[in-house]
Amino acid sequence: MDLGFDVVVTITGIVLVFAILVLLMAIITLEGKIFDAMNGKKAAAKAAPKAAAKPAAPAAKPAAAQAPAAPQVEQGIPADVVAAIMAAIYSMGNGKYVLKAVRRGKNGWGKAGVNDTTAPF
């Protein structure tokens, strides 16, 4: 066997693999941008009729109806954790849901371990 031929085949293979990986990365990035643009157009089209249908001056609501009561927080839970939970609920629910209470839950890792070790084959 010729050592030079083996080196050329090895280098060609490595270059080809990395070239295909770069090509795949470019294709996936391009698809992501195309789908983001399509979603942006759909969101803009969906928001346009809603903006036109809203009344010019909505009636003033009572102050009690605008500001929900502060959530009941169990002792020992930091305020930044409560704020993060509230932000996640608000962003995932588009403002439809309100946080009423924050309590510590039981540790699920123990139950997961028991289920994992006692699960049938």
N, C-alpha and C. Protein backbone atom coordinates (compact mmCIF):
# COMPACT_ATOMS: atom_id res chain seq x y z
N MET A 1 0.83 -1.18 0.00
CA MET A 1 0.00 0.00 0.00
C MET A 1 0.87 1.24 0.00
N ASP A 2 0.34 2.23 -0.65
CA ASP A 2 1.04 3.51 -0.75
C ASP A 2 0.55 4.42 0.37
N LEU A 3 1.46 4.91 1.21
CA LEU A 3 1.10 5.76 2.33
C LEU A 3 0.53 7.10 1.86
N GLY A 4 1.02 7.63 0.77
CA GLY A 4 0.52 8.90 0.24
C GLY A 4 -0.94 8.81 -0.17
N PHE A 5 -1.33 7.69 -0.76
CA PHE A 5 -2.72 7.49 -1.16
C PHE A 5 -3.65 7.46 0.06
N ASP A 6 -3.21 6.81 1.12
CA ASP A 6 -4.01 6.73 2.34
C ASP A 6 -4.20 8.11 2.97
N VAL A 7 -3.17 8.93 2.96
CA VAL A 7 -3.26 10.28 3.52
C VAL A 7 -4.23 11.13 2.69
N VAL A 8 -4.15 11.02 1.36
CA VAL A 8 -5.03 11.79 0.48
C VAL A 8 -6.49 11.38 0.70
N VAL A 9 -6.76 10.10 0.83
CA VAL A 9 -8.13 9.62 1.06
C VAL A 9 -8.64 10.11 2.41
N THR A 10 -7.81 10.07 3.44
CA THR A 10 -8.20 10.52 4.77
C THR A 10 -8.52 12.00 4.78
N ILE A 11 -7.66 12.81 4.22
CA ILE A 11 -7.87 14.26 4.18
C ILE A 11 -9.11 14.60 3.35
N THR A 12 -9.29 13.92 2.23
CA THR A 12 -10.47 14.16 1.39
C THR A 12 -11.74 13.82 2.16
N GLY A 13 -11.74 12.74 2.89
CA GLY A 13 -12.91 12.36 3.68
C GLY A 13 -13.23 13.38 4.75
N ILE A 14 -12.22 13.84 5.47
CA ILE A 14 -12.42 14.83 6.53
C ILE A 14 -12.96 16.13 5.94
N VAL A 15 -12.37 16.61 4.85
CA VAL A 15 -12.82 17.85 4.22
C VAL A 15 -14.26 17.70 3.73
N LEU A 16 -14.58 16.57 3.13
CA LEU A 16 -15.93 16.34 2.63
C LEU A 16 -16.95 16.32 3.76
N VAL A 17 -16.65 15.68 4.87
CA VAL A 17 -17.57 15.63 6.00
C VAL A 17 -17.83 17.03 6.54
N PHE A 18 -16.78 17.81 6.74
CA PHE A 18 -16.97 19.16 7.28
C PHE A 18 -17.68 20.07 6.28
N ALA A 19 -17.43 19.90 5.00
CA ALA A 19 -18.13 20.71 3.99
C ALA A 19 -19.63 20.40 4.01
N ILE A 20 -19.99 19.14 4.14
CA ILE A 20 -21.40 18.77 4.20
C ILE A 20 -22.04 19.30 5.49
N LEU A 21 -21.31 19.25 6.59
CA LEU A 21 -21.84 19.80 7.85
C LEU A 21 -22.10 21.30 7.73
N VAL A 22 -21.18 22.04 7.12
CA VAL A 22 -21.37 23.47 6.93
C VAL A 22 -22.57 23.72 6.01
N LEU A 23 -22.72 22.93 4.96
CA LEU A 23 -23.85 23.07 4.06
C LEU A 23 -25.17 22.80 4.79
N LEU A 24 -25.23 21.77 5.61
CA LEU A 24 -26.43 21.47 6.38
C LEU A 24 -26.76 22.60 7.35
N MET A 25 -25.73 23.15 8.00
CA MET A 25 -25.95 24.26 8.92
C MET A 25 -26.53 25.46 8.19
N ALA A 26 -26.03 25.75 6.99
CA ALA A 26 -26.55 26.87 6.21
C ALA A 26 -27.99 26.63 5.80
N ILE A 27 -28.33 25.41 5.40
CA ILE A 27 -29.70 25.09 4.99
C ILE A 27 -30.65 25.23 6.17
N ILE A 28 -30.27 24.74 7.33
CA ILE A 28 -31.14 24.81 8.50
C ILE A 28 -31.32 26.26 8.95
N THR A 29 -30.26 27.05 8.90
CA THR A 29 -30.36 28.46 9.26
C THR A 29 -31.29 29.20 8.30
N LEU A 30 -31.17 28.92 7.02
CA LEU A 30 -32.02 29.54 6.02
C LEU A 30 -33.49 29.16 6.23
N GLU A 31 -33.75 27.88 6.51
CA GLU A 31 -35.12 27.45 6.79
C GLU A 31 -35.68 28.17 8.01
N GLY A 32 -34.88 28.33 9.04
CA GLY A 32 -35.33 29.04 10.24
C GLY A 32 -35.72 30.47 9.93
N LYS A 33 -34.91 31.16 9.12
CA LYS A 33 -35.24 32.54 8.77
C LYS A 33 -36.51 32.61 7.92
N ILE A 34 -36.69 31.66 7.03
CA ILE A 34 -37.89 31.64 6.19
C ILE A 34 -39.13 31.43 7.07
N PHE A 35 -39.08 30.48 7.99
CA PHE A 35 -40.23 30.22 8.85
C PHE A 35 -40.49 31.37 9.81
N ASP A 36 -39.45 32.04 10.31
CA ASP A 36 -39.65 33.22 11.15
C ASP A 36 -40.34 34.33 10.37
N ALA A 37 -39.95 34.53 9.12
CA ALA A 37 -40.60 35.55 8.29
C ALA A 37 -42.06 35.20 8.05
N MET A 38 -42.34 33.92 7.79
CA MET A 38 -43.73 33.50 7.57
C MET A 38 -44.57 33.70 8.82
N ASN A 39 -44.02 33.37 9.99
CA ASN A 39 -44.74 33.56 11.24
C ASN A 39 -44.96 35.03 11.53
N GLY A 40 -43.98 35.88 11.20
CA GLY A 40 -44.13 37.32 11.39
C GLY A 40 -45.24 37.89 10.53
N LYS A 41 -45.34 37.42 9.29
CA LYS A 41 -46.41 37.89 8.40
C LYS A 41 -47.77 37.44 8.92
N LYS A 42 -47.86 36.20 9.42
CA LYS A 42 -49.12 35.72 9.96
C LYS A 42 -49.53 36.52 11.19
N ALA A 43 -48.58 36.80 12.06
CA ALA A 43 -48.88 37.57 13.27
C ALA A 43 -49.31 38.99 12.92
N ALA A 44 -48.66 39.59 11.94
CA ALA A 44 -49.03 40.95 11.53
C ALA A 44 -50.43 40.96 10.91
N ALA A 45 -50.74 39.96 10.11
CA ALA A 45 -52.06 39.88 9.49
C ALA A 45 -53.14 39.63 10.54
N LYS A 46 -52.81 38.85 11.56
CA LYS A 46 -53.77 38.55 12.61
C LYS A 46 -53.98 39.77 13.52
N ALA A 47 -52.93 40.56 13.76
CA ALA A 47 -53.02 41.72 14.65
C ALA A 47 -53.68 42.91 13.98
N ALA A 48 -53.62 43.02 12.66
CA ALA A 48 -54.18 44.17 11.96
C ALA A 48 -55.69 44.28 12.14
N PRO A 49 -56.49 43.23 11.99
CA PRO A 49 -57.93 43.37 12.21
C PRO A 49 -58.28 43.68 13.66
N LYS A 50 -57.52 43.16 14.59
CA LYS A 50 -57.79 43.43 16.00
C LYS A 50 -57.56 44.90 16.33
N ALA A 51 -56.52 45.50 15.76
CA ALA A 51 -56.23 46.90 16.04
C ALA A 51 -57.33 47.79 15.49
N ALA A 52 -57.90 47.44 14.35
CA ALA A 52 -58.96 48.24 13.76
C ALA A 52 -60.26 48.08 14.52
N ALA A 53 -60.49 46.94 15.14
CA ALA A 53 -61.76 46.66 15.81
C ALA A 53 -61.82 47.23 17.23
N LYS A 54 -60.70 47.64 17.81
CA LYS A 54 -60.69 48.14 19.18
C LYS A 54 -61.33 49.53 19.24
N PRO A 55 -62.09 49.82 20.31
CA PRO A 55 -62.68 51.15 20.44
C PRO A 55 -61.59 52.18 20.74
N ALA A 56 -61.88 53.43 20.42
CA ALA A 56 -60.89 54.50 20.56
C ALA A 56 -60.57 54.77 22.02
N ALA A 57 -61.59 54.84 22.89
CA ALA A 57 -61.37 55.15 24.30
C ALA A 57 -62.14 54.14 25.15
N PRO A 58 -61.47 53.14 25.71
CA PRO A 58 -62.18 52.17 26.54
C PRO A 58 -62.61 52.82 27.85
N ALA A 59 -63.70 52.30 28.40
CA ALA A 59 -64.21 52.83 29.66
C ALA A 59 -63.22 52.52 30.78
N ALA A 60 -63.10 53.43 31.74
CA ALA A 60 -62.18 53.26 32.85
C ALA A 60 -62.70 52.18 33.78
N LYS A 61 -61.81 51.27 34.17
CA LYS A 61 -62.19 50.19 35.08
C LYS A 61 -61.86 50.61 36.51
N PRO A 62 -62.55 50.04 37.47
CA PRO A 62 -62.19 50.33 38.86
C PRO A 62 -60.78 49.87 39.18
N ALA A 63 -60.13 50.53 40.11
CA ALA A 63 -58.75 50.20 40.46
C ALA A 63 -58.63 48.79 41.02
N ALA A 64 -59.64 48.31 41.71
CA ALA A 64 -59.57 46.97 42.29
C ALA A 64 -59.58 45.90 41.20
N ALA A 65 -60.25 46.15 40.09
CA ALA A 65 -60.32 45.17 39.02
C ALA A 65 -59.03 45.14 38.20
N GLN A 66 -58.30 46.24 38.14
CA GLN A 66 -57.08 46.30 37.34
C GLN A 66 -55.91 45.61 38.02
N ALA A 67 -55.74 45.80 39.29
CA ALA A 67 -54.59 45.25 39.99
C ALA A 67 -55.02 44.03 40.81
N PRO A 68 -54.61 42.82 40.42
CA PRO A 68 -54.97 41.65 41.22
C PRO A 68 -54.23 41.66 42.56
N ALA A 69 -54.78 40.95 43.50
CA ALA A 69 -54.17 40.89 44.82
C ALA A 69 -52.81 40.21 44.74
N ALA A 70 -51.91 40.57 45.66
CA ALA A 70 -50.58 39.98 45.69
C ALA A 70 -50.70 38.50 46.04
N PRO A 71 -49.88 37.65 45.43
CA PRO A 71 -49.98 36.22 45.71
C PRO A 71 -49.54 35.89 47.14
N GLN A 72 -50.13 34.84 47.69
CA GLN A 72 -49.74 34.38 49.01
C GLN A 72 -48.48 33.54 48.85
N VAL A 73 -47.40 33.99 49.46
CA VAL A 73 -46.12 33.33 49.29
C VAL A 73 -45.72 32.64 50.59
N GLU A 74 -45.36 31.37 50.49
CA GLU A 74 -44.91 30.60 51.65
C GLU A 74 -43.57 31.15 52.13
N GLN A 75 -43.34 31.06 53.42
CA GLN A 75 -42.09 31.55 54.01
C GLN A 75 -40.89 30.81 53.42
N GLY A 76 -39.82 31.53 53.18
CA GLY A 76 -38.58 30.94 52.71
C GLY A 76 -38.41 30.95 51.20
N ILE A 77 -39.39 31.42 50.45
CA ILE A 77 -39.26 31.50 48.99
C ILE A 77 -38.83 32.93 48.66
N PRO A 78 -37.67 33.09 48.01
CA PRO A 78 -37.17 34.43 47.71
C PRO A 78 -38.09 35.20 46.75
N ALA A 79 -38.05 36.52 46.86
CA ALA A 79 -38.90 37.37 46.03
C ALA A 79 -38.54 37.26 44.55
N ASP A 80 -37.25 37.04 44.24
CA ASP A 80 -36.87 36.93 42.83
C ASP A 80 -37.42 35.65 42.20
N VAL A 81 -37.57 34.58 42.99
CA VAL A 81 -38.16 33.35 42.48
C VAL A 81 -39.65 33.57 42.18
N VAL A 82 -40.33 34.27 43.08
CA VAL A 82 -41.74 34.58 42.87
C VAL A 82 -41.91 35.45 41.63
N ALA A 83 -41.02 36.42 41.45
CA ALA A 83 -41.09 37.28 40.28
C ALA A 83 -40.86 36.49 39.00
N ALA A 84 -39.93 35.55 39.03
CA ALA A 84 -39.67 34.72 37.84
C ALA A 84 -40.87 33.83 37.52
N ILE A 85 -41.50 33.28 38.55
CA ILE A 85 -42.69 32.44 38.33
C ILE A 85 -43.82 33.28 37.75
N MET A 86 -44.02 34.48 38.29
CA MET A 86 -45.07 35.36 37.78
C MET A 86 -44.81 35.75 36.34
N ALA A 87 -43.57 36.05 36.01
CA ALA A 87 -43.24 36.43 34.63
C ALA A 87 -43.46 35.27 33.67
N ALA A 88 -43.11 34.07 34.09
CA ALA A 88 -43.31 32.90 33.23
C ALA A 88 -44.79 32.63 33.00
N ILE A 89 -45.60 32.73 34.05
CA ILE A 89 -47.03 32.51 33.90
C ILE A 89 -47.65 33.58 33.01
N TYR A 90 -47.24 34.82 33.20
CA TYR A 90 -47.79 35.91 32.38
C TYR A 90 -47.42 35.75 30.91
N SER A 91 -46.15 35.41 30.64
CA SER A 91 -45.72 35.32 29.25
C SER A 91 -46.30 34.09 28.56
N MET A 92 -46.44 32.98 29.26
CA MET A 92 -46.98 31.78 28.64
C MET A 92 -48.50 31.85 28.46
N GLY A 93 -49.18 32.60 29.31
CA GLY A 93 -50.62 32.69 29.24
C GLY A 93 -51.12 33.93 28.54
N ASN A 94 -50.21 34.75 28.00
CA ASN A 94 -50.57 36.00 27.34
C ASN A 94 -51.41 36.90 28.24
N GLY A 95 -51.15 36.90 29.53
CA GLY A 95 -51.83 37.77 30.46
C GLY A 95 -53.18 37.26 30.94
N LYS A 96 -53.58 36.05 30.56
CA LYS A 96 -54.89 35.52 30.96
C LYS A 96 -54.88 34.97 32.38
N TYR A 97 -53.73 34.55 32.88
CA TYR A 97 -53.67 33.87 34.16
C TYR A 97 -53.06 34.78 35.23
N VAL A 98 -53.47 34.55 36.48
CA VAL A 98 -52.98 35.33 37.61
C VAL A 98 -52.41 34.37 38.65
N LEU A 99 -51.27 34.71 39.22
CA LEU A 99 -50.65 33.90 40.26
C LEU A 99 -51.34 34.21 41.59
N LYS A 100 -51.89 33.17 42.23
CA LYS A 100 -52.61 33.38 43.48
C LYS A 100 -51.80 32.96 44.69
N ALA A 101 -50.97 31.91 44.56
CA ALA A 101 -50.21 31.43 45.71
C ALA A 101 -48.95 30.73 45.22
N VAL A 102 -47.90 30.79 46.04
CA VAL A 102 -46.65 30.09 45.76
C VAL A 102 -46.30 29.26 46.99
N ARG A 103 -46.28 27.95 46.81
CA ARG A 103 -45.95 27.04 47.91
C ARG A 103 -44.86 26.08 47.45
N ARG A 104 -44.09 25.61 48.38
CA ARG A 104 -43.07 24.63 48.05
C ARG A 104 -43.72 23.29 47.74
N GLY A 105 -43.22 22.65 46.69
CA GLY A 105 -43.71 21.33 46.34
C GLY A 105 -42.81 20.26 46.91
N LYS A 106 -43.28 19.02 46.84
CA LYS A 106 -42.44 17.92 47.29
C LYS A 106 -41.37 17.66 46.25
N ASN A 107 -40.26 17.10 46.69
CA ASN A 107 -39.16 16.81 45.79
C ASN A 107 -39.56 15.64 44.89
N GLY A 108 -39.62 15.88 43.59
CA GLY A 108 -40.02 14.85 42.65
C GLY A 108 -38.92 13.88 42.28
N TRP A 109 -37.66 14.19 42.65
CA TRP A 109 -36.55 13.31 42.27
C TRP A 109 -36.64 11.97 42.97
N GLY A 110 -37.07 11.95 44.22
CA GLY A 110 -37.19 10.69 44.95
C GLY A 110 -38.23 9.78 44.31
N LYS A 111 -39.37 10.37 43.96
CA LYS A 111 -40.43 9.58 43.32
C LYS A 111 -39.98 9.09 41.94
N ALA A 112 -39.25 9.93 41.22
CA ALA A 112 -38.75 9.52 39.90
C ALA A 112 -37.76 8.37 40.04
N GLY A 113 -36.93 8.40 41.07
CA GLY A 113 -35.98 7.32 41.29
C GLY A 113 -36.67 6.01 41.63
N VAL A 114 -37.71 6.09 42.47
CA VAL A 114 -38.46 4.88 42.82
C VAL A 114 -39.14 4.33 41.56
N ASN A 115 -39.76 5.20 40.77
CA ASN A 115 -40.41 4.73 39.54
C ASN A 115 -39.42 4.12 38.57
N ASP A 116 -38.24 4.69 38.50
CA ASP A 116 -37.24 4.18 37.58
C ASP A 116 -36.72 2.81 37.98
N THR A 117 -36.49 2.62 39.28
CA THR A 117 -35.91 1.35 39.72
C THR A 117 -36.95 0.25 39.86
N THR A 118 -38.20 0.60 40.00
CA THR A 118 -39.23 -0.44 40.17
C THR A 118 -40.06 -0.66 38.91
N ALA A 119 -39.75 0.03 37.83
CA ALA A 119 -40.52 -0.12 36.59
C ALA A 119 -40.26 -1.51 35.99
N PRO A 120 -41.31 -2.14 35.48
CA PRO A 120 -41.10 -3.46 34.86
C PRO A 120 -40.34 -3.30 33.55
N PHE A 121 -39.76 -4.39 33.11
CA PHE A 121 -38.99 -4.36 31.88
C PHE A 121 -39.94 -4.14 30.76
